[in-house]
Amino acid sequence: PRENVAESSPHLQAIIQRMIDHDLPPGDKWRLFELHALGFRDFARVRSGAPLDPFGLAKFANLLVIDFEQIKGLSDETREHLLGQGSEKWSGGACS
């Protein structure tokens, strides 16, 4: 007999539990982002709340991750703010 997927994956169980507990941000757009993030954590086998290694995971997500030193035109003041006082106010950046 086929095993229940939810029973076989503690990561999936955590996602389902968060949905049941309504531990998702308000607004459809943000809920969707959070569900995608939870799915990504499940794919990466990283539990909720645990740090993600962007350099280790980038190749699996087809992403380019760069160090602040590689960003041309980023002022020292901005870099210091993003890594210091403002570090808890962002989780990543994207551009196309």
PDB file of N, CA and C in Angstrom:
ATOM      1  N   PRO A   1       0.828  -1.198   0.000  1.00  0.00           N
ATOM      2  CA  PRO A   1       0.000   0.000   0.000  1.00  0.00           C
ATOM      3  C   PRO A   1       0.867   1.254   0.000  1.00  0.00           C
ATOM      4  N   ARG A   2       0.365   2.261  -0.631  1.00  0.00           N
ATOM      5  CA  ARG A   2       1.095   3.527  -0.735  1.00  0.00           C
ATOM      6  C   ARG A   2       1.063   4.274   0.594  1.00  0.00           C
ATOM      7  N   GLU A   3       2.244   4.767   1.000  1.00  0.00           N
ATOM      8  CA  GLU A   3       2.365   5.499   2.259  1.00  0.00           C
ATOM      9  C   GLU A   3       1.804   6.910   2.095  1.00  0.00           C
ATOM     10  N   ASN A   4       1.137   7.398   3.127  1.00  0.00           N
ATOM     11  CA  ASN A   4       0.616   8.759   3.133  1.00  0.00           C
ATOM     12  C   ASN A   4       1.790   9.728   3.138  1.00  0.00           C
ATOM     13  N   VAL A   5       1.848  10.627   2.147  1.00  0.00           N
ATOM     14  CA  VAL A   5       2.967  11.559   2.019  1.00  0.00           C
ATOM     15  C   VAL A   5       3.091  12.438   3.254  1.00  0.00           C
ATOM     16  N   ALA A   6       1.981  12.920   3.783  1.00  0.00           N
ATOM     17  CA  ALA A   6       2.019  13.794   4.963  1.00  0.00           C
ATOM     18  C   ALA A   6       2.608  13.068   6.163  1.00  0.00           C
ATOM     19  N   GLU A   7       2.380  11.767   6.251  1.00  0.00           N
ATOM     20  CA  GLU A   7       2.929  11.003   7.371  1.00  0.00           C
ATOM     21  C   GLU A   7       4.421  10.756   7.198  1.00  0.00           C
ATOM     22  N   SER A   8       4.916  10.765   5.962  1.00  0.00           N
ATOM     23  CA  SER A   8       6.314  10.436   5.714  1.00  0.00           C
ATOM     24  C   SER A   8       7.243  11.644   5.781  1.00  0.00           C
ATOM     25  N   SER A   9       6.712  12.842   5.757  1.00  0.00           N
ATOM     26  CA  SER A   9       7.549  14.038   5.726  1.00  0.00           C
ATOM     27  C   SER A   9       7.247  14.955   6.904  1.00  0.00           C
ATOM     28  N   PRO A  10       8.175  15.036   7.867  1.00  0.00           N
ATOM     29  CA  PRO A  10       7.937  15.959   8.979  1.00  0.00           C
ATOM     30  C   PRO A  10       7.863  17.408   8.507  1.00  0.00           C
ATOM     31  N   HIS A  11       8.567  17.730   7.420  1.00  0.00           N
ATOM     32  CA  HIS A  11       8.523  19.095   6.880  1.00  0.00           C
ATOM     33  C   HIS A  11       7.125  19.399   6.351  1.00  0.00           C
ATOM     34  N   LEU A  12       6.548  18.443   5.633  1.00  0.00           N
ATOM     35  CA  LEU A  12       5.204  18.629   5.107  1.00  0.00           C
ATOM     36  C   LEU A  12       4.197  18.700   6.244  1.00  0.00           C
ATOM     37  N   GLN A  13       4.399  17.897   7.264  1.00  0.00           N
ATOM     38  CA  GLN A  13       3.522  17.959   8.435  1.00  0.00           C
ATOM     39  C   GLN A  13       3.561  19.341   9.068  1.00  0.00           C
ATOM     40  N   ALA A  14       4.744  19.945   9.137  1.00  0.00           N
ATOM     41  CA  ALA A  14       4.876  21.287   9.710  1.00  0.00           C
ATOM     42  C   ALA A  14       4.133  22.315   8.860  1.00  0.00           C
ATOM     43  N   ILE A  15       4.213  22.176   7.540  1.00  0.00           N
ATOM     44  CA  ILE A  15       3.499  23.092   6.647  1.00  0.00           C
ATOM     45  C   ILE A  15       1.997  22.964   6.860  1.00  0.00           C
ATOM     46  N   ILE A  16       1.521  21.743   6.887  1.00  0.00           N
ATOM     47  CA  ILE A  16       0.092  21.505   7.083  1.00  0.00           C
ATOM     48  C   ILE A  16      -0.352  22.052   8.431  1.00  0.00           C
ATOM     49  N   GLN A  17       0.457  21.840   9.469  1.00  0.00           N
ATOM     50  CA  GLN A  17       0.102  22.331  10.800  1.00  0.00           C
ATOM     51  C   GLN A  17       0.032  23.852  10.818  1.00  0.00           C
ATOM     52  N   ARG A  18       0.963  24.525  10.140  1.00  0.00           N
ATOM     53  CA  ARG A  18       0.930  25.994  10.089  1.00  0.00           C
ATOM     54  C   ARG A  18      -0.329  26.476   9.386  1.00  0.00           C
ATOM     55  N   MET A  19      -0.741  25.764   8.350  1.00  0.00           N
ATOM     56  CA  MET A  19      -1.969  26.139   7.653  1.00  0.00           C
ATOM     57  C   MET A  19      -3.171  25.940   8.562  1.00  0.00           C
ATOM     58  N   ILE A  20      -3.178  24.847   9.309  1.00  0.00           N
ATOM     59  CA  ILE A  20      -4.270  24.578  10.242  1.00  0.00           C
ATOM     60  C   ILE A  20      -4.308  25.629  11.340  1.00  0.00           C
ATOM     61  N   ASP A  21      -3.132  25.973  11.851  1.00  0.00           N
ATOM     62  CA  ASP A  21      -3.043  26.954  12.938  1.00  0.00           C
ATOM     63  C   ASP A  21      -3.222  28.386  12.446  1.00  0.00           C
ATOM     64  N   HIS A  22      -3.351  28.577  11.146  1.00  0.00           N
ATOM     65  CA  HIS A  22      -3.482  29.912  10.547  1.00  0.00           C
ATOM     66  C   HIS A  22      -2.279  30.785  10.884  1.00  0.00           C
ATOM     67  N   ASP A  23      -1.112  30.187  10.946  1.00  0.00           N
ATOM     68  CA  ASP A  23       0.113  30.922  11.235  1.00  0.00           C
ATOM     69  C   ASP A  23       0.700  31.470   9.933  1.00  0.00           C
ATOM     70  N   LEU A  24      -0.154  32.101   9.165  1.00  0.00           N
ATOM     71  CA  LEU A  24       0.262  32.689   7.898  1.00  0.00           C
ATOM     72  C   LEU A  24      -0.016  34.187   7.951  1.00  0.00           C
ATOM     73  N   PRO A  25       0.760  34.975   7.226  1.00  0.00           N
ATOM     74  CA  PRO A  25       0.550  36.428   7.261  1.00  0.00           C
ATOM     75  C   PRO A  25      -0.790  36.804   6.631  1.00  0.00           C
ATOM     76  N   PRO A  26      -1.332  37.965   7.013  1.00  0.00           N
ATOM     77  CA  PRO A  26      -2.589  38.408   6.405  1.00  0.00           C
ATOM     78  C   PRO A  26      -2.372  38.813   4.947  1.00  0.00           C
ATOM     79  N   GLY A  27      -3.381  38.645   4.161  1.00  0.00           N
ATOM     80  CA  GLY A  27      -3.318  39.024   2.748  1.00  0.00           C
ATOM     81  C   GLY A  27      -2.954  37.849   1.866  1.00  0.00           C
ATOM     82  N   ASP A  28      -3.713  37.681   0.798  1.00  0.00           N
ATOM     83  CA  ASP A  28      -3.499  36.546  -0.107  1.00  0.00           C
ATOM     84  C   ASP A  28      -2.093  36.524  -0.693  1.00  0.00           C
ATOM     85  N   LYS A  29      -1.592  37.697  -1.087  1.00  0.00           N
ATOM     86  CA  LYS A  29      -0.260  37.776  -1.689  1.00  0.00           C
ATOM     87  C   LYS A  29       0.793  37.254  -0.725  1.00  0.00           C
ATOM     88  N   TRP A  30       0.739  37.677   0.530  1.00  0.00           N
ATOM     89  CA  TRP A  30       1.751  37.291   1.520  1.00  0.00           C
ATOM     90  C   TRP A  30       1.585  35.841   1.950  1.00  0.00           C
ATOM     91  N   ARG A  31       0.336  35.364   2.002  1.00  0.00           N
ATOM     92  CA  ARG A  31       0.108  33.944   2.310  1.00  0.00           C
ATOM     93  C   ARG A  31       0.740  33.069   1.229  1.00  0.00           C
ATOM     94  N   LEU A  32       0.563  33.483  -0.018  1.00  0.00           N
ATOM     95  CA  LEU A  32       1.137  32.719  -1.126  1.00  0.00           C
ATOM     96  C   LEU A  32       2.658  32.703  -1.041  1.00  0.00           C
ATOM     97  N   PHE A  33       3.265  33.862  -0.751  1.00  0.00           N
ATOM     98  CA  PHE A  33       4.721  33.911  -0.579  1.00  0.00           C
ATOM     99  C   PHE A  33       5.162  32.978   0.540  1.00  0.00           C
ATOM    100  N   GLU A  34       4.432  33.010   1.658  1.00  0.00           N
ATOM    101  CA  GLU A  34       4.798  32.179   2.807  1.00  0.00           C
ATOM    102  C   GLU A  34       4.658  30.695   2.472  1.00  0.00           C
ATOM    103  N   LEU A  35       3.602  30.328   1.759  1.00  0.00           N
ATOM    104  CA  LEU A  35       3.428  28.929   1.364  1.00  0.00           C
ATOM    105  C   LEU A  35       4.544  28.489   0.419  1.00  0.00           C
ATOM    106  N   HIS A  36       4.956  29.365  -0.481  1.00  0.00           N
ATOM    107  CA  HIS A  36       6.090  29.038  -1.360  1.00  0.00           C
ATOM    108  C   HIS A  36       7.367  28.877  -0.543  1.00  0.00           C
ATOM    109  N   ALA A  37       7.560  29.755   0.432  1.00  0.00           N
ATOM    110  CA  ALA A  37       8.749  29.655   1.287  1.00  0.00           C
ATOM    111  C   ALA A  37       8.732  28.355   2.083  1.00  0.00           C
ATOM    112  N   LEU A  38       7.564  27.984   2.588  1.00  0.00           N
ATOM    113  CA  LEU A  38       7.459  26.724   3.327  1.00  0.00           C
ATOM    114  C   LEU A  38       7.744  25.542   2.406  1.00  0.00           C
ATOM    115  N   GLY A  39       7.243  25.613   1.180  1.00  0.00           N
ATOM    116  CA  GLY A  39       7.523  24.558   0.211  1.00  0.00           C
ATOM    117  C   GLY A  39       9.000  24.477  -0.127  1.00  0.00           C
ATOM    118  N   PHE A  40       9.650  25.631  -0.242  1.00  0.00           N
ATOM    119  CA  PHE A  40      11.085  25.657  -0.517  1.00  0.00           C
ATOM    120  C   PHE A  40      11.852  25.036   0.636  1.00  0.00           C
ATOM    121  N   ARG A  41      11.461  25.356   1.869  1.00  0.00           N
ATOM    122  CA  ARG A  41      12.113  24.761   3.038  1.00  0.00           C
ATOM    123  C   ARG A  41      11.913  23.243   3.038  1.00  0.00           C
ATOM    124  N   ASP A  42      10.720  22.803   2.651  1.00  0.00           N
ATOM    125  CA  ASP A  42      10.469  21.364   2.577  1.00  0.00           C
ATOM    126  C   ASP A  42      11.384  20.736   1.528  1.00  0.00           C
ATOM    127  N   PHE A  43      11.483  21.360   0.358  1.00  0.00           N
ATOM    128  CA  PHE A  43      12.361  20.878  -0.708  1.00  0.00           C
ATOM    129  C   PHE A  43      13.807  20.799  -0.227  1.00  0.00           C
ATOM    130  N   ALA A  44      14.234  21.831   0.517  1.00  0.00           N
ATOM    131  CA  ALA A  44      15.620  21.900   0.992  1.00  0.00           C
ATOM    132  C   ALA A  44      15.846  21.078   2.256  1.00  0.00           C
ATOM    133  N   ARG A  45      14.780  20.523   2.803  1.00  0.00           N
ATOM    134  CA  ARG A  45      14.852  19.739   4.044  1.00  0.00           C
ATOM    135  C   ARG A  45      15.376  20.591   5.209  1.00  0.00           C
ATOM    136  N   VAL A  46      14.891  21.840   5.270  1.00  0.00           N
ATOM    137  CA  VAL A  46      15.270  22.759   6.345  1.00  0.00           C
ATOM    138  C   VAL A  46      14.009  23.089   7.128  1.00  0.00           C
ATOM    139  N   ARG A  47      14.051  22.864   8.433  1.00  0.00           N
ATOM    140  CA  ARG A  47      12.864  23.096   9.250  1.00  0.00           C
ATOM    141  C   ARG A  47      12.559  24.585   9.359  1.00  0.00           C
ATOM    142  N   SER A  48      11.311  24.889   9.648  1.00  0.00           N
ATOM    143  CA  SER A  48      10.879  26.271   9.809  1.00  0.00           C
ATOM    144  C   SER A  48      11.666  26.939  10.926  1.00  0.00           C
ATOM    145  N   GLY A  49      12.151  28.124  10.672  1.00  0.00           N
ATOM    146  CA  GLY A  49      12.917  28.859  11.676  1.00  0.00           C
ATOM    147  C   GLY A  49      14.411  28.611  11.625  1.00  0.00           C
ATOM    148  N   ALA A  50      14.834  27.536  10.981  1.00  0.00           N
ATOM    149  CA  ALA A  50      16.267  27.245  10.868  1.00  0.00           C
ATOM    150  C   ALA A  50      16.856  28.102   9.749  1.00  0.00           C
ATOM    151  N   PRO A  51      18.115  28.500   9.884  1.00  0.00           N
ATOM    152  CA  PRO A  51      18.708  29.343   8.842  1.00  0.00           C
ATOM    153  C   PRO A  51      18.919  28.572   7.538  1.00  0.00           C
ATOM    154  N   LEU A  52      18.719  29.264   6.453  1.00  0.00           N
ATOM    155  CA  LEU A  52      18.998  28.701   5.134  1.00  0.00           C
ATOM    156  C   LEU A  52      20.382  29.161   4.697  1.00  0.00           C
ATOM    157  N   ASP A  53      21.130  28.274   4.076  1.00  0.00           N
ATOM    158  CA  ASP A  53      22.437  28.623   3.526  1.00  0.00           C
ATOM    159  C   ASP A  53      22.220  29.020   2.070  1.00  0.00           C
ATOM    160  N   PRO A  54      22.149  30.320   1.776  1.00  0.00           N
ATOM    161  CA  PRO A  54      21.827  30.731   0.411  1.00  0.00           C
ATOM    162  C   PRO A  54      22.844  30.263  -0.619  1.00  0.00           C
ATOM    163  N   PHE A  55      24.104  30.194  -0.240  1.00  0.00           N
ATOM    164  CA  PHE A  55      25.127  29.764  -1.189  1.00  0.00           C
ATOM    165  C   PHE A  55      24.997  28.270  -1.482  1.00  0.00           C
ATOM    166  N   GLY A  56      24.639  27.488  -0.468  1.00  0.00           N
ATOM    167  CA  GLY A  56      24.466  26.059  -0.662  1.00  0.00           C
ATOM    168  C   GLY A  56      23.200  25.703  -1.418  1.00  0.00           C
ATOM    169  N   LEU A  57      22.148  26.505  -1.245  1.00  0.00           N
ATOM    170  CA  LEU A  57      20.859  26.207  -1.866  1.00  0.00           C
ATOM    171  C   LEU A  57      20.673  26.849  -3.240  1.00  0.00           C
ATOM    172  N   ALA A  58      21.480  27.835  -3.556  1.00  0.00           N
ATOM    173  CA  ALA A  58      21.275  28.604  -4.791  1.00  0.00           C
ATOM    174  C   ALA A  58      21.265  27.732  -6.039  1.00  0.00           C
ATOM    175  N   LYS A  59      22.161  26.774  -6.107  1.00  0.00           N
ATOM    176  CA  LYS A  59      22.237  25.957  -7.323  1.00  0.00           C
ATOM    177  C   LYS A  59      20.969  25.137  -7.537  1.00  0.00           C
ATOM    178  N   PHE A  60      20.298  24.728  -6.445  1.00  0.00           N
ATOM    179  CA  PHE A  60      19.073  23.941  -6.574  1.00  0.00           C
ATOM    180  C   PHE A  60      17.887  24.798  -7.006  1.00  0.00           C
ATOM    181  N   ALA A  61      17.928  26.075  -6.701  1.00  0.00           N
ATOM    182  CA  ALA A  61      16.828  26.977  -7.043  1.00  0.00           C
ATOM    183  C   ALA A  61      17.127  27.807  -8.287  1.00  0.00           C
ATOM    184  N   ASN A  62      18.253  27.534  -8.927  1.00  0.00           N
ATOM    185  CA  ASN A  62      18.675  28.276 -10.110  1.00  0.00           C
ATOM    186  C   ASN A  62      18.751  29.778  -9.822  1.00  0.00           C
ATOM    187  N   LEU A  63      19.372  30.111  -8.689  1.00  0.00           N
ATOM    188  CA  LEU A  63      19.528  31.499  -8.258  1.00  0.00           C
ATOM    189  C   LEU A  63      20.995  31.890  -8.218  1.00  0.00           C
ATOM    190  N   LEU A  64      21.234  33.157  -8.356  1.00  0.00           N
ATOM    191  CA  LEU A  64      22.570  33.712  -8.200  1.00  0.00           C
ATOM    192  C   LEU A  64      22.610  34.427  -6.861  1.00  0.00           C
ATOM    193  N   VAL A  65      23.522  34.037  -6.006  1.00  0.00           N
ATOM    194  CA  VAL A  65      23.692  34.676  -4.702  1.00  0.00           C
ATOM    195  C   VAL A  65      25.060  35.335  -4.702  1.00  0.00           C
ATOM    196  N   ILE A  66      25.068  36.612  -4.359  1.00  0.00           N
ATOM    197  CA  ILE A  66      26.333  37.337  -4.354  1.00  0.00           C
ATOM    198  C   ILE A  66      26.575  37.973  -2.995  1.00  0.00           C
ATOM    199  N   ASP A  67      27.812  38.265  -2.744  1.00  0.00           N
ATOM    200  CA  ASP A  67      28.229  38.932  -1.517  1.00  0.00           C
ATOM    201  C   ASP A  67      28.084  40.438  -1.713  1.00  0.00           C
ATOM    202  N   PHE A  68      27.856  41.152  -0.621  1.00  0.00           N
ATOM    203  CA  PHE A  68      27.738  42.610  -0.704  1.00  0.00           C
ATOM    204  C   PHE A  68      28.939  43.247  -1.396  1.00  0.00           C
ATOM    205  N   GLU A  69      30.100  42.660  -1.225  1.00  0.00           N
ATOM    206  CA  GLU A  69      31.314  43.222  -1.824  1.00  0.00           C
ATOM    207  C   GLU A  69      31.237  43.243  -3.346  1.00  0.00           C
ATOM    208  N   GLN A  70      30.384  42.399  -3.921  1.00  0.00           N
ATOM    209  CA  GLN A  70      30.270  42.306  -5.373  1.00  0.00           C
ATOM    210  C   GLN A  70      29.289  43.317  -5.964  1.00  0.00           C
ATOM    211  N   ILE A  71      28.564  44.044  -5.122  1.00  0.00           N
ATOM    212  CA  ILE A  71      27.568  44.996  -5.609  1.00  0.00           C
ATOM    213  C   ILE A  71      28.243  46.338  -5.861  1.00  0.00           C
ATOM    214  N   LYS A  72      28.332  46.702  -7.118  1.00  0.00           N
ATOM    215  CA  LYS A  72      28.967  47.972  -7.477  1.00  0.00           C
ATOM    216  C   LYS A  72      28.047  49.129  -7.099  1.00  0.00           C
ATOM    217  N   GLY A  73      28.627  50.165  -6.533  1.00  0.00           N
ATOM    218  CA  GLY A  73      27.865  51.357  -6.195  1.00  0.00           C
ATOM    219  C   GLY A  73      27.196  51.322  -4.832  1.00  0.00           C
ATOM    220  N   LEU A  74      27.327  50.238  -4.097  1.00  0.00           N
ATOM    221  CA  LEU A  74      26.741  50.156  -2.759  1.00  0.00           C
ATOM    222  C   LEU A  74      27.648  50.918  -1.799  1.00  0.00           C
ATOM    223  N   SER A  75      27.102  51.950  -1.185  1.00  0.00           N
ATOM    224  CA  SER A  75      27.926  52.778  -0.301  1.00  0.00           C
ATOM    225  C   SER A  75      28.264  52.023   0.982  1.00  0.00           C
ATOM    226  N   ASP A  76      29.354  52.412   1.610  1.00  0.00           N
ATOM    227  CA  ASP A  76      29.743  51.814   2.892  1.00  0.00           C
ATOM    228  C   ASP A  76      28.646  52.015   3.925  1.00  0.00           C
ATOM    229  N   GLU A  77      28.014  53.193   3.902  1.00  0.00           N
ATOM    230  CA  GLU A  77      26.948  53.501   4.862  1.00  0.00           C
ATOM    231  C   GLU A  77      25.764  52.546   4.692  1.00  0.00           C
ATOM    232  N   THR A  78      25.359  52.310   3.444  1.00  0.00           N
ATOM    233  CA  THR A  78      24.246  51.399   3.168  1.00  0.00           C
ATOM    234  C   THR A  78      24.607  49.976   3.565  1.00  0.00           C
ATOM    235  N   ARG A  79      25.792  49.547   3.205  1.00  0.00           N
ATOM    236  CA  ARG A  79      26.246  48.196   3.558  1.00  0.00           C
ATOM    237  C   ARG A  79      26.242  48.011   5.069  1.00  0.00           C
ATOM    238  N   GLU A  80      26.787  48.971   5.798  1.00  0.00           N
ATOM    239  CA  GLU A  80      26.828  48.891   7.261  1.00  0.00           C
ATOM    240  C   GLU A  80      25.424  48.838   7.849  1.00  0.00           C
ATOM    241  N   HIS A  81      24.498  49.613   7.282  1.00  0.00           N
ATOM    242  CA  HIS A  81      23.119  49.596   7.781  1.00  0.00           C
ATOM    243  C   HIS A  81      22.466  48.233   7.534  1.00  0.00           C
ATOM    244  N   LEU A  82      22.609  47.708   6.311  1.00  0.00           N
ATOM    245  CA  LEU A  82      21.985  46.429   5.972  1.00  0.00           C
ATOM    246  C   LEU A  82      22.530  45.276   6.805  1.00  0.00           C
ATOM    247  N   LEU A  83      23.804  45.322   7.120  1.00  0.00           N
ATOM    248  CA  LEU A  83      24.417  44.251   7.910  1.00  0.00           C
ATOM    249  C   LEU A  83      24.356  44.520   9.412  1.00  0.00           C
ATOM    250  N   GLY A  84      24.064  45.741   9.807  1.00  0.00           N
ATOM    251  CA  GLY A  84      24.039  46.107  11.226  1.00  0.00           C
ATOM    252  C   GLY A  84      22.633  46.365  11.716  1.00  0.00           C
ATOM    253  N   GLN A  85      22.325  47.638  11.942  1.00  0.00           N
ATOM    254  CA  GLN A  85      21.053  48.053  12.526  1.00  0.00           C
ATOM    255  C   GLN A  85      19.839  47.549  11.738  1.00  0.00           C
ATOM    256  N   GLY A  86      19.934  47.496  10.435  1.00  0.00           N
ATOM    257  CA  GLY A  86      18.805  47.077   9.613  1.00  0.00           C
ATOM    258  C   GLY A  86      18.757  45.597   9.292  1.00  0.00           C
ATOM    259  N   SER A  87      19.646  44.806   9.862  1.00  0.00           N
ATOM    260  CA  SER A  87      19.758  43.394   9.471  1.00  0.00           C
ATOM    261  C   SER A  87      18.515  42.562   9.773  1.00  0.00           C
ATOM    262  N   GLU A  88      17.731  42.949  10.756  1.00  0.00           N
ATOM    263  CA  GLU A  88      16.523  42.187  11.096  1.00  0.00           C
ATOM    264  C   GLU A  88      15.306  42.649  10.300  1.00  0.00           C
ATOM    265  N   LYS A  89      15.496  43.611   9.420  1.00  0.00           N
ATOM    266  CA  LYS A  89      14.364  44.185   8.693  1.00  0.00           C
ATOM    267  C   LYS A  89      14.296  43.738   7.237  1.00  0.00           C
ATOM    268  N   TRP A  90      15.150  42.825   6.839  1.00  0.00           N
ATOM    269  CA  TRP A  90      15.117  42.309   5.482  1.00  0.00           C
ATOM    270  C   TRP A  90      15.661  40.888   5.469  1.00  0.00           C
ATOM    271  N   SER A  91      15.316  40.142   4.429  1.00  0.00           N
ATOM    272  CA  SER A  91      15.795  38.765   4.343  1.00  0.00           C
ATOM    273  C   SER A  91      16.438  38.461   3.004  1.00  0.00           C
ATOM    274  N   GLY A  92      16.368  39.377   2.099  1.00  0.00           N
ATOM    275  CA  GLY A  92      16.982  39.126   0.804  1.00  0.00           C
ATOM    276  C   GLY A  92      16.634  40.221  -0.167  1.00  0.00           C
ATOM    277  N   GLY A  93      17.241  40.179  -1.271  1.00  0.00           N
ATOM    278  CA  GLY A  93      16.965  41.159  -2.305  1.00  0.00           C
ATOM    279  C   GLY A  93      16.885  40.460  -3.639  1.00  0.00           C
ATOM    280  N   ALA A  94      16.186  41.067  -4.558  1.00  0.00           N
ATOM    281  CA  ALA A  94      16.052  40.466  -5.879  1.00  0.00           C
ATOM    282  C   ALA A  94      16.068  41.557  -6.930  1.00  0.00           C
ATOM    283  N   CYS A  95      16.570  41.207  -8.071  1.00  0.00           N
ATOM    284  CA  CYS A  95      16.506  42.124  -9.206  1.00  0.00           C
ATOM    285  C   CYS A  95      16.440  41.292 -10.474  1.00  0.00           C
ATOM    286  N   SER A  96      15.993  41.927 -11.520  1.00  0.00           N
ATOM    287  CA  SER A  96      15.912  41.202 -12.790  1.00  0.00           C
ATOM    288  C   SER A  96      16.571  42.006 -13.881  1.00  0.00           C
TER     289      SER A  96
END
